[in-house]
Amino acid sequence: MARVAVDIWGKSIVAFSGEIQKHLAADSNSRAFNRRDRRDLTERTQRKQMLDLLWLLSVLSG
């Protein structure tokens, strides 16, 4: 019987072989993508907040 591993969240079962390395690499790439995506969202949110603040200041001063 093949030994298997379950990832931390129990989402997938992977047989011990080269597949475990593929699974870990894919998971690592996914986490890296999510970090980039989150950073991009944060930057866009900060830009929008700055533009909103500038607009408010222009309305209050004008």
PDB file of N, CA and C in Angstrom:
ATOM      1  N   MET A   1       0.856  -1.171   0.000  1.00  0.00           N
ATOM      2  CA  MET A   1       0.000   0.000   0.000  1.00  0.00           C
ATOM      3  C   MET A   1       0.903   1.236   0.000  1.00  0.00           C
ATOM      4  N   ALA A   2       0.577   2.211  -0.815  1.00  0.00           N
ATOM      5  CA  ALA A   2       1.373   3.443  -0.892  1.00  0.00           C
ATOM      6  C   ALA A   2       1.084   4.321   0.318  1.00  0.00           C
ATOM      7  N   ARG A   3       2.146   4.916   0.838  1.00  0.00           N
ATOM      8  CA  ARG A   3       1.940   5.879   1.928  1.00  0.00           C
ATOM      9  C   ARG A   3       1.491   7.196   1.306  1.00  0.00           C
ATOM     10  N   VAL A   4       0.652   7.917   2.003  1.00  0.00           N
ATOM     11  CA  VAL A   4       0.154   9.190   1.481  1.00  0.00           C
ATOM     12  C   VAL A   4       0.343  10.297   2.509  1.00  0.00           C
ATOM     13  N   ALA A   5       0.323  11.537   2.046  1.00  0.00           N
ATOM     14  CA  ALA A   5       0.426  12.703   2.934  1.00  0.00           C
ATOM     15  C   ALA A   5      -0.754  13.624   2.663  1.00  0.00           C
ATOM     16  N   VAL A   6      -1.253  14.226   3.709  1.00  0.00           N
ATOM     17  CA  VAL A   6      -2.344  15.188   3.574  1.00  0.00           C
ATOM     18  C   VAL A   6      -1.777  16.552   3.931  1.00  0.00           C
ATOM     19  N   ASP A   7      -2.046  17.552   3.087  1.00  0.00           N
ATOM     20  CA  ASP A   7      -1.508  18.876   3.410  1.00  0.00           C
ATOM     21  C   ASP A   7      -2.189  19.438   4.650  1.00  0.00           C
ATOM     22  N   ILE A   8      -1.692  20.561   5.158  1.00  0.00           N
ATOM     23  CA  ILE A   8      -2.141  21.136   6.427  1.00  0.00           C
ATOM     24  C   ILE A   8      -3.649  21.336   6.463  1.00  0.00           C
ATOM     25  N   TRP A   9      -4.229  21.761   5.347  1.00  0.00           N
ATOM     26  CA  TRP A   9      -5.655  22.058   5.322  1.00  0.00           C
ATOM     27  C   TRP A   9      -6.492  20.835   4.956  1.00  0.00           C
ATOM     28  N   GLY A  10      -5.838  19.721   4.691  1.00  0.00           N
ATOM     29  CA  GLY A  10      -6.563  18.509   4.345  1.00  0.00           C
ATOM     30  C   GLY A  10      -7.238  18.587   2.988  1.00  0.00           C
ATOM     31  N   LYS A  11      -6.743  19.458   2.101  1.00  0.00           N
ATOM     32  CA  LYS A  11      -7.388  19.646   0.806  1.00  0.00           C
ATOM     33  C   LYS A  11      -7.007  18.571  -0.197  1.00  0.00           C
ATOM     34  N   SER A  12      -5.826  18.004  -0.044  1.00  0.00           N
ATOM     35  CA  SER A  12      -5.428  17.029  -1.051  1.00  0.00           C
ATOM     36  C   SER A  12      -4.593  15.924  -0.433  1.00  0.00           C
ATOM     37  N   ILE A  13      -4.619  14.805  -1.085  1.00  0.00           N
ATOM     38  CA  ILE A  13      -3.823  13.657  -0.657  1.00  0.00           C
ATOM     39  C   ILE A  13      -2.826  13.377  -1.775  1.00  0.00           C
ATOM     40  N   VAL A  14      -1.567  13.244  -1.413  1.00  0.00           N
ATOM     41  CA  VAL A  14      -0.514  13.091  -2.404  1.00  0.00           C
ATOM     42  C   VAL A  14       0.328  11.872  -2.048  1.00  0.00           C
ATOM     43  N   ALA A  15       0.570  10.995  -3.008  1.00  0.00           N
ATOM     44  CA  ALA A  15       1.409   9.824  -2.765  1.00  0.00           C
ATOM     45  C   ALA A  15       2.857  10.266  -2.601  1.00  0.00           C
ATOM     46  N   PHE A  16       3.601   9.609  -1.674  1.00  0.00           N
ATOM     47  CA  PHE A  16       5.016   9.917  -1.514  1.00  0.00           C
ATOM     48  C   PHE A  16       5.747   9.460  -2.763  1.00  0.00           C
ATOM     49  N   SER A  17       6.319  10.391  -3.449  1.00  0.00           N
ATOM     50  CA  SER A  17       7.110  10.151  -4.659  1.00  0.00           C
ATOM     51  C   SER A  17       7.529  11.523  -5.144  1.00  0.00           C
ATOM     52  N   GLY A  18       7.762  11.661  -6.430  1.00  0.00           N
ATOM     53  CA  GLY A  18       8.069  12.969  -6.987  1.00  0.00           C
ATOM     54  C   GLY A  18       6.870  13.890  -6.909  1.00  0.00           C
ATOM     55  N   GLU A  19       5.672  13.309  -6.755  1.00  0.00           N
ATOM     56  CA  GLU A  19       4.454  14.120  -6.720  1.00  0.00           C
ATOM     57  C   GLU A  19       4.423  15.048  -5.509  1.00  0.00           C
ATOM     58  N   ILE A  20       4.995  14.623  -4.386  1.00  0.00           N
ATOM     59  CA  ILE A  20       4.964  15.475  -3.190  1.00  0.00           C
ATOM     60  C   ILE A  20       5.762  16.752  -3.439  1.00  0.00           C
ATOM     61  N   GLN A  21       6.901  16.637  -4.136  1.00  0.00           N
ATOM     62  CA  GLN A  21       7.679  17.831  -4.443  1.00  0.00           C
ATOM     63  C   GLN A  21       6.909  18.746  -5.394  1.00  0.00           C
ATOM     64  N   LYS A  22       6.214  18.156  -6.379  1.00  0.00           N
ATOM     65  CA  LYS A  22       5.418  18.959  -7.311  1.00  0.00           C
ATOM     66  C   LYS A  22       4.322  19.697  -6.558  1.00  0.00           C
ATOM     67  N   HIS A  23       3.684  18.995  -5.625  1.00  0.00           N
ATOM     68  CA  HIS A  23       2.599  19.590  -4.841  1.00  0.00           C
ATOM     69  C   HIS A  23       3.130  20.748  -4.002  1.00  0.00           C
ATOM     70  N   LEU A  24       4.266  20.543  -3.332  1.00  0.00           N
ATOM     71  CA  LEU A  24       4.837  21.590  -2.491  1.00  0.00           C
ATOM     72  C   LEU A  24       5.273  22.790  -3.321  1.00  0.00           C
ATOM     73  N   ALA A  25       5.842  22.539  -4.503  1.00  0.00           N
ATOM     74  CA  ALA A  25       6.267  23.641  -5.370  1.00  0.00           C
ATOM     75  C   ALA A  25       5.059  24.433  -5.855  1.00  0.00           C
ATOM     76  N   ALA A  26       3.994  23.737  -6.231  1.00  0.00           N
ATOM     77  CA  ALA A  26       2.782  24.420  -6.691  1.00  0.00           C
ATOM     78  C   ALA A  26       2.178  25.242  -5.562  1.00  0.00           C
ATOM     79  N   ASP A  27       2.167  24.693  -4.354  1.00  0.00           N
ATOM     80  CA  ASP A  27       1.625  25.409  -3.200  1.00  0.00           C
ATOM     81  C   ASP A  27       2.460  26.652  -2.905  1.00  0.00           C
ATOM     82  N   SER A  28       3.772  26.515  -3.003  1.00  0.00           N
ATOM     83  CA  SER A  28       4.671  27.644  -2.768  1.00  0.00           C
ATOM     84  C   SER A  28       4.442  28.734  -3.806  1.00  0.00           C
ATOM     85  N   ASN A  29       4.297  28.349  -5.068  1.00  0.00           N
ATOM     86  CA  ASN A  29       4.027  29.323  -6.129  1.00  0.00           C
ATOM     87  C   ASN A  29       2.698  30.010  -5.903  1.00  0.00           C
ATOM     88  N   SER A  30       1.710  29.263  -5.455  1.00  0.00           N
ATOM     89  CA  SER A  30       0.391  29.832  -5.187  1.00  0.00           C
ATOM     90  C   SER A  30       0.474  30.862  -4.068  1.00  0.00           C
ATOM     91  N   ARG A  31       1.207  30.545  -3.005  1.00  0.00           N
ATOM     92  CA  ARG A  31       1.352  31.497  -1.895  1.00  0.00           C
ATOM     93  C   ARG A  31       2.089  32.749  -2.346  1.00  0.00           C
ATOM     94  N   ALA A  32       3.117  32.581  -3.191  1.00  0.00           N
ATOM     95  CA  ALA A  32       3.861  33.744  -3.694  1.00  0.00           C
ATOM     96  C   ALA A  32       2.943  34.616  -4.540  1.00  0.00           C
ATOM     97  N   PHE A  33       2.118  33.988  -5.386  1.00  0.00           N
ATOM     98  CA  PHE A  33       1.175  34.753  -6.204  1.00  0.00           C
ATOM     99  C   PHE A  33       0.195  35.496  -5.318  1.00  0.00           C
ATOM    100  N   ASN A  34      -0.316  34.832  -4.284  1.00  0.00           N
ATOM    101  CA  ASN A  34      -1.271  35.483  -3.388  1.00  0.00           C
ATOM    102  C   ASN A  34      -0.646  36.675  -2.674  1.00  0.00           C
ATOM    103  N   ARG A  35       0.635  36.564  -2.297  1.00  0.00           N
ATOM    104  CA  ARG A  35       1.318  37.701  -1.658  1.00  0.00           C
ATOM    105  C   ARG A  35       1.421  38.867  -2.626  1.00  0.00           C
ATOM    106  N   ARG A  36       1.792  38.581  -3.890  1.00  0.00           N
ATOM    107  CA  ARG A  36       1.890  39.655  -4.891  1.00  0.00           C
ATOM    108  C   ARG A  36       0.530  40.282  -5.128  1.00  0.00           C
ATOM    109  N   ASP A  37      -0.495  39.452  -5.234  1.00  0.00           N
ATOM    110  CA  ASP A  37      -1.849  39.939  -5.475  1.00  0.00           C
ATOM    111  C   ASP A  37      -2.311  40.814  -4.314  1.00  0.00           C
ATOM    112  N   ARG A  38      -2.042  40.380  -3.100  1.00  0.00           N
ATOM    113  CA  ARG A  38      -2.424  41.135  -1.907  1.00  0.00           C
ATOM    114  C   ARG A  38      -1.684  42.471  -1.856  1.00  0.00           C
ATOM    115  N   ARG A  39      -0.385  42.445  -2.199  1.00  0.00           N
ATOM    116  CA  ARG A  39       0.415  43.675  -2.201  1.00  0.00           C
ATOM    117  C   ARG A  39      -0.138  44.651  -3.238  1.00  0.00           C
ATOM    118  N   ASP A  40      -0.487  44.150  -4.424  1.00  0.00           N
ATOM    119  CA  ASP A  40      -1.051  44.999  -5.470  1.00  0.00           C
ATOM    120  C   ASP A  40      -2.364  45.615  -5.007  1.00  0.00           C
ATOM    121  N   LEU A  41      -3.200  44.825  -4.363  1.00  0.00           N
ATOM    122  CA  LEU A  41      -4.476  45.327  -3.856  1.00  0.00           C
ATOM    123  C   LEU A  41      -4.243  46.404  -2.799  1.00  0.00           C
ATOM    124  N   THR A  42      -3.278  46.188  -1.921  1.00  0.00           N
ATOM    125  CA  THR A  42      -2.958  47.172  -0.883  1.00  0.00           C
ATOM    126  C   THR A  42      -2.480  48.476  -1.513  1.00  0.00           C
ATOM    127  N   GLU A  43      -1.611  48.374  -2.522  1.00  0.00           N
ATOM    128  CA  GLU A  43      -1.104  49.577  -3.189  1.00  0.00           C
ATOM    129  C   GLU A  43      -2.237  50.338  -3.869  1.00  0.00           C
ATOM    130  N   ARG A  44      -3.130  49.612  -4.549  1.00  0.00           N
ATOM    131  CA  ARG A  44      -4.262  50.273  -5.210  1.00  0.00           C
ATOM    132  C   ARG A  44      -5.180  50.931  -4.191  1.00  0.00           C
ATOM    133  N   THR A  45      -5.409  50.269  -3.070  1.00  0.00           N
ATOM    134  CA  THR A  45      -6.260  50.827  -2.017  1.00  0.00           C
ATOM    135  C   THR A  45      -5.636  52.094  -1.444  1.00  0.00           C
ATOM    136  N   GLN A  46      -4.335  52.056  -1.195  1.00  0.00           N
ATOM    137  CA  GLN A  46      -3.652  53.234  -0.660  1.00  0.00           C
ATOM    138  C   GLN A  46      -3.701  54.391  -1.652  1.00  0.00           C
ATOM    139  N   ARG A  47      -3.510  54.098  -2.945  1.00  0.00           N
ATOM    140  CA  ARG A  47      -3.593  55.140  -3.975  1.00  0.00           C
ATOM    141  C   ARG A  47      -4.971  55.774  -3.996  1.00  0.00           C
ATOM    142  N   LYS A  48      -6.006  54.931  -3.933  1.00  0.00           N
ATOM    143  CA  LYS A  48      -7.377  55.437  -3.950  1.00  0.00           C
ATOM    144  C   LYS A  48      -7.642  56.298  -2.719  1.00  0.00           C
ATOM    145  N   GLN A  49      -7.185  55.864  -1.566  1.00  0.00           N
ATOM    146  CA  GLN A  49      -7.382  56.655  -0.351  1.00  0.00           C
ATOM    147  C   GLN A  49      -6.682  58.006  -0.455  1.00  0.00           C
ATOM    148  N   MET A  50      -5.484  58.029  -1.039  1.00  0.00           N
ATOM    149  CA  MET A  50      -4.755  59.285  -1.200  1.00  0.00           C
ATOM    150  C   MET A  50      -5.501  60.212  -2.155  1.00  0.00           C
ATOM    151  N   LEU A  51      -6.001  59.673  -3.266  1.00  0.00           N
ATOM    152  CA  LEU A  51      -6.763  60.495  -4.210  1.00  0.00           C
ATOM    153  C   LEU A  51      -8.044  61.021  -3.569  1.00  0.00           C
ATOM    154  N   ASP A  52      -8.705  60.185  -2.791  1.00  0.00           N
ATOM    155  CA  ASP A  52      -9.917  60.629  -2.086  1.00  0.00           C
ATOM    156  C   ASP A  52      -9.592  61.755  -1.110  1.00  0.00           C
ATOM    157  N   LEU A  53      -8.479  61.637  -0.409  1.00  0.00           N
ATOM    158  CA  LEU A  53      -8.071  62.668   0.541  1.00  0.00           C
ATOM    159  C   LEU A  53      -7.742  63.972  -0.186  1.00  0.00           C
ATOM    160  N   LEU A  54      -7.006  63.872  -1.306  1.00  0.00           N
ATOM    161  CA  LEU A  54      -6.682  65.066  -2.087  1.00  0.00           C
ATOM    162  C   LEU A  54      -7.947  65.739  -2.612  1.00  0.00           C
ATOM    163  N   TRP A  55      -8.896  64.943  -3.077  1.00  0.00           N
ATOM    164  CA  TRP A  55     -10.167  65.490  -3.564  1.00  0.00           C
ATOM    165  C   TRP A  55     -10.892  66.215  -2.432  1.00  0.00           C
ATOM    166  N   LEU A  56     -10.955  65.597  -1.263  1.00  0.00           N
ATOM    167  CA  LEU A  56     -11.632  66.203  -0.117  1.00  0.00           C
ATOM    168  C   LEU A  56     -10.963  67.521   0.276  1.00  0.00           C
ATOM    169  N   LEU A  57      -9.633  67.532   0.297  1.00  0.00           N
ATOM    170  CA  LEU A  57      -8.911  68.766   0.624  1.00  0.00           C
ATOM    171  C   LEU A  57      -9.189  69.861  -0.403  1.00  0.00           C
ATOM    172  N   SER A  58      -9.255  69.485  -1.680  1.00  0.00           N
ATOM    173  CA  SER A  58      -9.529  70.493  -2.711  1.00  0.00           C
ATOM    174  C   SER A  58     -10.944  71.042  -2.572  1.00  0.00           C
ATOM    175  N   VAL A  59     -11.898  70.187  -2.207  1.00  0.00           N
ATOM    176  CA  VAL A  59     -13.280  70.632  -2.011  1.00  0.00           C
ATOM    177  C   VAL A  59     -13.362  71.560  -0.805  1.00  0.00           C
ATOM    178  N   LEU A  60     -12.704  71.198   0.281  1.00  0.00           N
ATOM    179  CA  LEU A  60     -12.758  72.012   1.499  1.00  0.00           C
ATOM    180  C   LEU A  60     -12.046  73.356   1.333  1.00  0.00           C
ATOM    181  N   SER A  61     -10.979  73.372   0.549  1.00  0.00           N
ATOM    182  CA  SER A  61     -10.224  74.621   0.387  1.00  0.00           C
ATOM    183  C   SER A  61     -10.802  75.511  -0.710  1.00  0.00           C
ATOM    184  N   GLY A  62     -11.599  74.954  -1.585  1.00  0.00           N
ATOM    185  CA  GLY A  62     -12.111  75.734  -2.727  1.00  0.00           C
ATOM    186  C   GLY A  62     -13.488  76.126  -2.552  1.00  0.00           C
TER     187      GLY A  62
END
